[in-house]
């Protein structure tokens, strides 16, 4: 029986073995993943932290105002009406509108409402910066949006998917610069509840919709559209954002 000769081929030197590990990691960085609930935990702690911070800031401003009134530098604040109408009290209890609308009526907000409004403003400001910077990164290799509707679709698809793992469920417009973005199961408020009932749960959820509203406004601002974004919640976990474009946009 004829013998078979075998030839052994030595191990080849790959290109990766010639490159230092630190350069390989720089050229092909590893994928870093985090828990999907991390953003939920972050938002909860963010609201609690800003609530305490806003309470301190509000108390400080009230103290300064009281000192200026005592010194005669400014007039004392107007006193609230002595006997408010029962109908107004009931509607205020059941209302799900923004605190801004209550302030615009000329009525003075309570201390609790002032604290909530301070937290809402800070959350929206944070979202404004986050949305602007996030959009700049997502649009790095994209051409400029020529139409307003294209920018809104970018919000509904790309921003929503990147931030909240889905797309908007419904988009409506009156073709006059007003767009309504509806999410039937909005992630930031999907776990909000209250033992005091539906109205209190909706009131709490409005605070958690403030930062997403700021993200939307910041994203559109970075795209060149100065807008106003108003979140509306009537039934949890559904959330609707009304985006108003300036005239001529």
C-alpha atoms as a PDB file:
ATOM      1  CA  UNK A   1       0.000   0.000   0.000  1.00  0.00           C
ATOM      2  CA  UNK A   2       1.443   3.275  -1.052  1.00  0.00           C
ATOM      3  CA  UNK A   3       2.179   5.683   1.709  1.00  0.00           C
ATOM      4  CA  UNK A   4       0.568   9.095   1.724  1.00  0.00           C
ATOM      5  CA  UNK A   5       2.591  12.164   2.325  1.00  0.00           C
ATOM      6  CA  UNK A   6       0.979  15.046   4.176  1.00  0.00           C
ATOM      7  CA  UNK A   7       2.068  18.595   4.247  1.00  0.00           C
ATOM      8  CA  UNK A   8       1.331  20.698   7.293  1.00  0.00           C
ATOM      9  CA  UNK A   9       0.716  24.365   6.767  1.00  0.00           C
ATOM     10  CA  UNK A  10       1.824  26.592   9.547  1.00  0.00           C
ATOM     11  CA  UNK A  11      -0.544  29.132  11.104  1.00  0.00           C
ATOM     12  CA  UNK A  12      -0.874  32.296   9.119  1.00  0.00           C
ATOM     13  CA  UNK A  13      -0.375  35.665  10.687  1.00  0.00           C
ATOM     14  CA  UNK A  14      -3.576  37.668  10.473  1.00  0.00           C
ATOM     15  CA  UNK A  15      -3.611  41.354   9.947  1.00  0.00           C
ATOM     16  CA  UNK A  16      -5.236  41.875  13.346  1.00  0.00           C
ATOM     17  CA  UNK A  17      -2.282  40.262  15.102  1.00  0.00           C
ATOM     18  CA  UNK A  18      -0.006  42.930  13.668  1.00  0.00           C
ATOM     19  CA  UNK A  19      -2.129  45.760  15.035  1.00  0.00           C
ATOM     20  CA  UNK A  20      -1.944  46.706  18.711  1.00  0.00           C
ATOM     21  CA  UNK A  21      -5.138  45.857  20.651  1.00  0.00           C
ATOM     22  CA  UNK A  22      -5.797  49.481  21.526  1.00  0.00           C
ATOM     23  CA  UNK A  23      -5.883  50.446  17.835  1.00  0.00           C
ATOM     24  CA  UNK A  24      -8.185  47.519  17.035  1.00  0.00           C
ATOM     25  CA  UNK A  25     -10.599  48.662  19.732  1.00  0.00           C
ATOM     26  CA  UNK A  26     -10.459  52.200  18.355  1.00  0.00           C
ATOM     27  CA  UNK A  27     -11.206  51.091  14.777  1.00  0.00           C
ATOM     28  CA  UNK A  28     -13.928  48.625  15.764  1.00  0.00           C
ATOM     29  CA  UNK A  29     -15.273  49.633  19.184  1.00  0.00           C
ATOM     30  CA  UNK A  30     -17.282  47.028  21.089  1.00  0.00           C
ATOM     31  CA  UNK A  31     -21.026  47.471  21.329  1.00  0.00           C
ATOM     32  CA  UNK A  32     -22.024  48.752  24.737  1.00  0.00           C
ATOM     33  CA  UNK A  33     -25.512  47.944  25.914  1.00  0.00           C
ATOM     34  CA  UNK A  34     -27.478  49.116  28.921  1.00  0.00           C
ATOM     35  CA  UNK A  35     -30.624  47.941  30.592  1.00  0.00           C
ATOM     36  CA  UNK A  36     -33.738  49.088  28.762  1.00  0.00           C
ATOM     37  CA  UNK A  37     -35.257  50.308  32.034  1.00  0.00           C
ATOM     38  CA  UNK A  38     -32.278  52.566  32.804  1.00  0.00           C
ATOM     39  CA  UNK A  39     -33.945  55.570  31.156  1.00  0.00           C
ATOM     40  CA  UNK A  40     -37.100  54.979  33.189  1.00  0.00           C
ATOM     41  CA  UNK A  41     -35.103  54.931  36.425  1.00  0.00           C
ATOM     42  CA  UNK A  42     -33.176  58.013  35.341  1.00  0.00           C
ATOM     43  CA  UNK A  43     -36.353  59.962  34.583  1.00  0.00           C
ATOM     44  CA  UNK A  44     -37.882  59.052  37.951  1.00  0.00           C
ATOM     45  CA  UNK A  45     -34.827  60.242  39.850  1.00  0.00           C
ATOM     46  CA  UNK A  46     -34.538  63.312  37.634  1.00  0.00           C
ATOM     47  CA  UNK A  47     -38.068  64.428  38.479  1.00  0.00           C
ATOM     48  CA  UNK A  48     -37.545  63.808  42.201  1.00  0.00           C
ATOM     49  CA  UNK A  49     -34.242  65.694  42.213  1.00  0.00           C
ATOM     50  CA  UNK A  50     -35.621  68.677  40.326  1.00  0.00           C
ATOM     51  CA  UNK A  51     -38.699  68.739  42.549  1.00  0.00           C
ATOM     52  CA  UNK A  52     -36.512  69.211  45.606  1.00  0.00           C
ATOM     53  CA  UNK A  53     -34.332  71.741  43.786  1.00  0.00           C
ATOM     54  CA  UNK A  54     -37.341  73.712  42.551  1.00  0.00           C
ATOM     55  CA  UNK A  55     -38.840  73.770  46.042  1.00  0.00           C
ATOM     56  CA  UNK A  56     -35.657  75.309  47.429  1.00  0.00           C
ATOM     57  CA  UNK A  57     -35.501  77.862  44.603  1.00  0.00           C
ATOM     58  CA  UNK A  58     -39.178  78.785  45.023  1.00  0.00           C
ATOM     59  CA  UNK A  59     -38.791  79.214  48.777  1.00  0.00           C
ATOM     60  CA  UNK A  60     -35.741  81.417  48.234  1.00  0.00           C
ATOM     61  CA  UNK A  61     -37.558  83.638  45.717  1.00  0.00           C
ATOM     62  CA  UNK A  62     -40.545  83.989  48.071  1.00  0.00           C
ATOM     63  CA  UNK A  63     -38.232  84.999  50.907  1.00  0.00           C
ATOM     64  CA  UNK A  64     -36.561  87.641  48.739  1.00  0.00           C
ATOM     65  CA  UNK A  65     -39.950  88.919  47.593  1.00  0.00           C
ATOM     66  CA  UNK A  66     -41.177  89.162  51.195  1.00  0.00           C
ATOM     67  CA  UNK A  67     -38.067  91.110  52.199  1.00  0.00           C
ATOM     68  CA  UNK A  68     -38.531  93.535  49.288  1.00  0.00           C
ATOM     69  CA  UNK A  69     -42.207  94.033  50.191  1.00  0.00           C
ATOM     70  CA  UNK A  70     -41.258  94.682  53.828  1.00  0.00           C
ATOM     71  CA  UNK A  71     -38.670  97.218  52.717  1.00  0.00           C
ATOM     72  CA  UNK A  72     -41.227  98.971  50.525  1.00  0.00           C
ATOM     73  CA  UNK A  73     -39.376  98.295  47.281  1.00  0.00           C
ATOM     74  CA  UNK A  74     -42.255  96.466  45.603  1.00  0.00           C
ATOM     75  CA  UNK A  75     -46.012  96.387  46.243  1.00  0.00           C
ATOM     76  CA  UNK A  76     -47.468  93.380  48.056  1.00  0.00           C
ATOM     77  CA  UNK A  77     -48.941  90.630  45.845  1.00  0.00           C
ATOM     78  CA  UNK A  78     -52.646  90.754  45.111  1.00  0.00           C
ATOM     79  CA  UNK A  79     -54.746  88.603  47.406  1.00  0.00           C
ATOM     80  CA  UNK A  80     -56.715  85.730  45.840  1.00  0.00           C
ATOM     81  CA  UNK A  81     -60.524  86.049  45.694  1.00  0.00           C
ATOM     82  CA  UNK A  82     -62.192  85.278  49.003  1.00  0.00           C
ATOM     83  CA  UNK A  83     -65.034  83.117  47.667  1.00  0.00           C
ATOM     84  CA  UNK A  84     -64.179  81.337  44.420  1.00  0.00           C
ATOM     85  CA  UNK A  85     -67.073  79.849  42.499  1.00  0.00           C
ATOM     86  CA  UNK A  86     -67.780  76.188  43.157  1.00  0.00           C
ATOM     87  CA  UNK A  87     -67.948  75.488  39.447  1.00  0.00           C
ATOM     88  CA  UNK A  88     -64.460  76.850  38.937  1.00  0.00           C
ATOM     89  CA  UNK A  89     -63.126  74.785  41.835  1.00  0.00           C
ATOM     90  CA  UNK A  90     -64.643  71.612  40.444  1.00  0.00           C
ATOM     91  CA  UNK A  91     -63.326  72.253  36.955  1.00  0.00           C
ATOM     92  CA  UNK A  92     -59.869  73.010  38.330  1.00  0.00           C
ATOM     93  CA  UNK A  93     -59.892  69.734  40.252  1.00  0.00           C
ATOM     94  CA  UNK A  94     -60.804  67.694  37.190  1.00  0.00           C
ATOM     95  CA  UNK A  95     -58.814  69.716  34.687  1.00  0.00           C
ATOM     96  CA  UNK A  96     -56.050  68.021  32.716  1.00  0.00           C
ATOM     97  CA  UNK A  97     -54.775  71.168  31.001  1.00  0.00           C
ATOM     98  CA  UNK A  98     -51.326  72.624  31.462  1.00  0.00           C
ATOM     99  CA  UNK A  99     -50.456  74.795  34.420  1.00  0.00           C
ATOM    100  CA  UNK A 100     -49.556  77.515  31.952  1.00  0.00           C
ATOM    101  CA  UNK A 101     -53.196  77.949  30.974  1.00  0.00           C
ATOM    102  CA  UNK A 102     -54.167  78.382  34.611  1.00  0.00           C
ATOM    103  CA  UNK A 103     -51.523  81.052  35.055  1.00  0.00           C
ATOM    104  CA  UNK A 104     -52.605  82.861  31.895  1.00  0.00           C
ATOM    105  CA  UNK A 105     -56.102  83.397  33.289  1.00  0.00           C
ATOM    106  CA  UNK A 106     -54.721  85.837  35.809  1.00  0.00           C
ATOM    107  CA  UNK A 107     -55.359  83.637  38.862  1.00  0.00           C
ATOM    108  CA  UNK A 108     -52.480  83.218  41.281  1.00  0.00           C
ATOM    109  CA  UNK A 109     -51.213  79.634  41.483  1.00  0.00           C
ATOM    110  CA  UNK A 110     -50.884  77.854  44.790  1.00  0.00           C
ATOM    111  CA  UNK A 111     -47.492  77.017  46.246  1.00  0.00           C
ATOM    112  CA  UNK A 112     -47.827  73.406  45.089  1.00  0.00           C
ATOM    113  CA  UNK A 113     -48.712  74.487  41.552  1.00  0.00           C
ATOM    114  CA  UNK A 114     -45.800  76.915  41.472  1.00  0.00           C
ATOM    115  CA  UNK A 115     -43.432  74.128  42.519  1.00  0.00           C
ATOM    116  CA  UNK A 116     -44.816  71.789  39.845  1.00  0.00           C
ATOM    117  CA  UNK A 117     -44.512  74.496  37.194  1.00  0.00           C
ATOM    118  CA  UNK A 118     -40.885  75.141  38.196  1.00  0.00           C
ATOM    119  CA  UNK A 119     -40.089  71.432  37.844  1.00  0.00           C
ATOM    120  CA  UNK A 120     -41.894  71.272  34.488  1.00  0.00           C
ATOM    121  CA  UNK A 121     -39.927  74.236  33.150  1.00  0.00           C
ATOM    122  CA  UNK A 122     -36.612  72.702  34.193  1.00  0.00           C
ATOM    123  CA  UNK A 123     -37.485  69.322  32.701  1.00  0.00           C
ATOM    124  CA  UNK A 124     -38.465  70.937  29.418  1.00  0.00           C
ATOM    125  CA  UNK A 125     -35.219  72.911  29.361  1.00  0.00           C
ATOM    126  CA  UNK A 126     -33.223  69.708  29.854  1.00  0.00           C
ATOM    127  CA  UNK A 127     -35.167  68.017  27.062  1.00  0.00           C
ATOM    128  CA  UNK A 128     -34.519  71.009  24.815  1.00  0.00           C
ATOM    129  CA  UNK A 129     -30.755  70.520  25.009  1.00  0.00           C
ATOM    130  CA  UNK A 130     -30.953  66.728  24.778  1.00  0.00           C
ATOM    131  CA  UNK A 131     -33.198  66.817  21.701  1.00  0.00           C
ATOM    132  CA  UNK A 132     -31.046  69.383  19.912  1.00  0.00           C
ATOM    133  CA  UNK A 133     -27.785  67.508  20.469  1.00  0.00           C
ATOM    134  CA  UNK A 134     -29.347  64.123  19.732  1.00  0.00           C
ATOM    135  CA  UNK A 135     -30.784  65.372  16.455  1.00  0.00           C
ATOM    136  CA  UNK A 136     -27.444  66.780  15.414  1.00  0.00           C
ATOM    137  CA  UNK A 137     -25.923  63.325  15.817  1.00  0.00           C
ATOM    138  CA  UNK A 138     -28.743  61.520  13.977  1.00  0.00           C
ATOM    139  CA  UNK A 139     -28.686  63.984  11.071  1.00  0.00           C
ATOM    140  CA  UNK A 140     -24.927  64.006  10.641  1.00  0.00           C
ATOM    141  CA  UNK A 141     -25.034  62.261   7.244  1.00  0.00           C
ATOM    142  CA  UNK A 142     -28.463  63.514   6.119  1.00  0.00           C
ATOM    143  CA  UNK A 143     -29.296  66.409   3.815  1.00  0.00           C
ATOM    144  CA  UNK A 144     -31.282  69.339   5.159  1.00  0.00           C
ATOM    145  CA  UNK A 145     -35.039  68.906   5.346  1.00  0.00           C
ATOM    146  CA  UNK A 146     -36.657  71.075   2.715  1.00  0.00           C
ATOM    147  CA  UNK A 147     -40.255  70.589   3.858  1.00  0.00           C
ATOM    148  CA  UNK A 148     -41.824  70.948   7.269  1.00  0.00           C
ATOM    149  CA  UNK A 149     -43.604  67.619   6.909  1.00  0.00           C
ATOM    150  CA  UNK A 150     -40.272  65.862   6.338  1.00  0.00           C
ATOM    151  CA  UNK A 151     -38.977  67.232   9.647  1.00  0.00           C
ATOM    152  CA  UNK A 152     -42.128  66.100  11.448  1.00  0.00           C
ATOM    153  CA  UNK A 153     -41.815  62.617   9.930  1.00  0.00           C
ATOM    154  CA  UNK A 154     -38.214  62.511  11.142  1.00  0.00           C
ATOM    155  CA  UNK A 155     -39.504  63.200  14.650  1.00  0.00           C
ATOM    156  CA  UNK A 156     -42.219  60.551  14.352  1.00  0.00           C
ATOM    157  CA  UNK A 157     -39.882  57.851  13.064  1.00  0.00           C
ATOM    158  CA  UNK A 158     -36.221  58.409  13.907  1.00  0.00           C
ATOM    159  CA  UNK A 159     -36.452  60.398  17.139  1.00  0.00           C
ATOM    160  CA  UNK A 160     -39.291  58.285  18.510  1.00  0.00           C
ATOM    161  CA  UNK A 161     -37.586  55.003  17.661  1.00  0.00           C
ATOM    162  CA  UNK A 162     -34.258  56.129  19.108  1.00  0.00           C
ATOM    163  CA  UNK A 163     -35.738  57.502  22.335  1.00  0.00           C
ATOM    164  CA  UNK A 164     -38.793  55.330  22.975  1.00  0.00           C
ATOM    165  CA  UNK A 165     -38.259  52.144  20.892  1.00  0.00           C
ATOM    166  CA  UNK A 166     -41.200  52.640  18.542  1.00  0.00           C
ATOM    167  CA  UNK A 167     -42.741  55.053  16.063  1.00  0.00           C
ATOM    168  CA  UNK A 168     -45.633  57.424  16.532  1.00  0.00           C
ATOM    169  CA  UNK A 169     -48.997  55.668  16.235  1.00  0.00           C
ATOM    170  CA  UNK A 170     -50.833  58.525  14.561  1.00  0.00           C
ATOM    171  CA  UNK A 171     -49.913  61.815  12.885  1.00  0.00           C
ATOM    172  CA  UNK A 172     -52.502  64.454  12.023  1.00  0.00           C
ATOM    173  CA  UNK A 173     -52.273  67.983  10.680  1.00  0.00           C
ATOM    174  CA  UNK A 174     -54.629  70.790   9.773  1.00  0.00           C
ATOM    175  CA  UNK A 175     -52.248  71.904   6.987  1.00  0.00           C
ATOM    176  CA  UNK A 176     -51.917  75.272   8.730  1.00  0.00           C
ATOM    177  CA  UNK A 177     -48.800  74.620  10.762  1.00  0.00           C
ATOM    178  CA  UNK A 178     -50.329  72.474  13.511  1.00  0.00           C
ATOM    179  CA  UNK A 179     -49.303  68.816  13.832  1.00  0.00           C
ATOM    180  CA  UNK A 180     -50.662  66.310  16.343  1.00  0.00           C
ATOM    181  CA  UNK A 181     -48.423  63.365  17.265  1.00  0.00           C
ATOM    182  CA  UNK A 182     -50.212  60.591  19.141  1.00  0.00           C
ATOM    183  CA  UNK A 183     -48.604  57.687  20.978  1.00  0.00           C
ATOM    184  CA  UNK A 184     -51.135  55.201  22.317  1.00  0.00           C
ATOM    185  CA  UNK A 185     -48.666  53.669  24.768  1.00  0.00           C
ATOM    186  CA  UNK A 186     -46.101  56.331  25.550  1.00  0.00           C
ATOM    187  CA  UNK A 187     -43.213  54.695  27.359  1.00  0.00           C
ATOM    188  CA  UNK A 188     -42.281  57.491  29.856  1.00  0.00           C
ATOM    189  CA  UNK A 189     -45.796  57.447  31.345  1.00  0.00           C
ATOM    190  CA  UNK A 190     -46.715  53.795  30.845  1.00  0.00           C
ATOM    191  CA  UNK A 191     -46.078  52.974  34.520  1.00  0.00           C
ATOM    192  CA  UNK A 192     -47.499  56.102  36.126  1.00  0.00           C
ATOM    193  CA  UNK A 193     -50.334  55.458  38.567  1.00  0.00           C
ATOM    194  CA  UNK A 194     -51.808  56.955  41.708  1.00  0.00           C
ATOM    195  CA  UNK A 195     -53.859  55.558  44.563  1.00  0.00           C
ATOM    196  CA  UNK A 196     -55.796  58.854  44.591  1.00  0.00           C
ATOM    197  CA  UNK A 197     -57.446  58.053  41.265  1.00  0.00           C
ATOM    198  CA  UNK A 198     -57.308  58.804  37.562  1.00  0.00           C
ATOM    199  CA  UNK A 199     -57.150  62.602  37.798  1.00  0.00           C
ATOM    200  CA  UNK A 200     -54.119  62.543  40.097  1.00  0.00           C
ATOM    201  CA  UNK A 201     -52.388  59.944  37.920  1.00  0.00           C
ATOM    202  CA  UNK A 202     -52.853  62.180  34.867  1.00  0.00           C
ATOM    203  CA  UNK A 203     -51.528  65.168  36.814  1.00  0.00           C
ATOM    204  CA  UNK A 204     -48.421  63.207  37.745  1.00  0.00           C
ATOM    205  CA  UNK A 205     -47.983  61.930  34.185  1.00  0.00           C
ATOM    206  CA  UNK A 206     -47.956  65.484  32.809  1.00  0.00           C
ATOM    207  CA  UNK A 207     -44.725  66.125  34.659  1.00  0.00           C
ATOM    208  CA  UNK A 208     -43.092  63.090  33.036  1.00  0.00           C
ATOM    209  CA  UNK A 209     -44.179  64.300  29.588  1.00  0.00           C
ATOM    210  CA  UNK A 210     -42.393  67.636  30.030  1.00  0.00           C
ATOM    211  CA  UNK A 211     -38.918  66.400  29.107  1.00  0.00           C
ATOM    212  CA  UNK A 212     -40.148  64.512  25.991  1.00  0.00           C
ATOM    213  CA  UNK A 213     -41.900  67.712  24.905  1.00  0.00           C
ATOM    214  CA  UNK A 214     -38.599  69.526  25.295  1.00  0.00           C
ATOM    215  CA  UNK A 215     -36.831  66.821  23.276  1.00  0.00           C
ATOM    216  CA  UNK A 216     -39.283  67.323  20.402  1.00  0.00           C
ATOM    217  CA  UNK A 217     -38.957  71.105  20.512  1.00  0.00           C
ATOM    218  CA  UNK A 218     -35.171  70.933  20.754  1.00  0.00           C
ATOM    219  CA  UNK A 219     -34.964  68.534  17.813  1.00  0.00           C
ATOM    220  CA  UNK A 220     -37.088  70.779  15.614  1.00  0.00           C
ATOM    221  CA  UNK A 221     -35.126  73.818  16.757  1.00  0.00           C
ATOM    222  CA  UNK A 222     -31.876  72.230  15.623  1.00  0.00           C
ATOM    223  CA  UNK A 223     -33.541  71.488  12.275  1.00  0.00           C
ATOM    224  CA  UNK A 224     -34.376  75.173  11.903  1.00  0.00           C
ATOM    225  CA  UNK A 225     -38.001  75.248  13.101  1.00  0.00           C
ATOM    226  CA  UNK A 226     -38.896  77.307  16.167  1.00  0.00           C
ATOM    227  CA  UNK A 227     -42.051  75.688  17.526  1.00  0.00           C
ATOM    228  CA  UNK A 228     -44.211  75.296  20.594  1.00  0.00           C
ATOM    229  CA  UNK A 229     -44.909  71.754  21.816  1.00  0.00           C
ATOM    230  CA  UNK A 230     -47.792  71.038  24.183  1.00  0.00           C
ATOM    231  CA  UNK A 231     -48.301  67.549  25.664  1.00  0.00           C
ATOM    232  CA  UNK A 232     -51.869  66.477  26.334  1.00  0.00           C
ATOM    233  CA  UNK A 233     -52.867  63.444  28.408  1.00  0.00           C
ATOM    234  CA  UNK A 234     -56.492  62.424  28.803  1.00  0.00           C
ATOM    235  CA  UNK A 235     -56.180  58.661  29.191  1.00  0.00           C
ATOM    236  CA  UNK A 236     -53.100  56.794  30.382  1.00  0.00           C
ATOM    237  CA  UNK A 237     -50.828  55.603  28.848  1.00  0.00           C
ATOM    238  CA  UNK A 238     -51.839  57.602  25.754  1.00  0.00           C
ATOM    239  CA  UNK A 239     -50.052  60.896  25.145  1.00  0.00           C
ATOM    240  CA  UNK A 240     -50.571  63.469  22.425  1.00  0.00           C
ATOM    241  CA  UNK A 241     -48.136  66.221  21.485  1.00  0.00           C
ATOM    242  CA  UNK A 242     -49.428  69.278  19.645  1.00  0.00           C
ATOM    243  CA  UNK A 243     -46.676  70.914  17.608  1.00  0.00           C
ATOM    244  CA  UNK A 244     -47.332  74.441  16.329  1.00  0.00           C
ATOM    245  CA  UNK A 245     -45.107  75.716  13.574  1.00  0.00           C
ATOM    246  CA  UNK A 246     -44.581  79.443  13.057  1.00  0.00           C
ATOM    247  CA  UNK A 247     -46.500  81.049  10.228  1.00  0.00           C
ATOM    248  CA  UNK A 248     -44.722  80.729   6.917  1.00  0.00           C
ATOM    249  CA  UNK A 249     -42.643  77.704   7.989  1.00  0.00           C
END
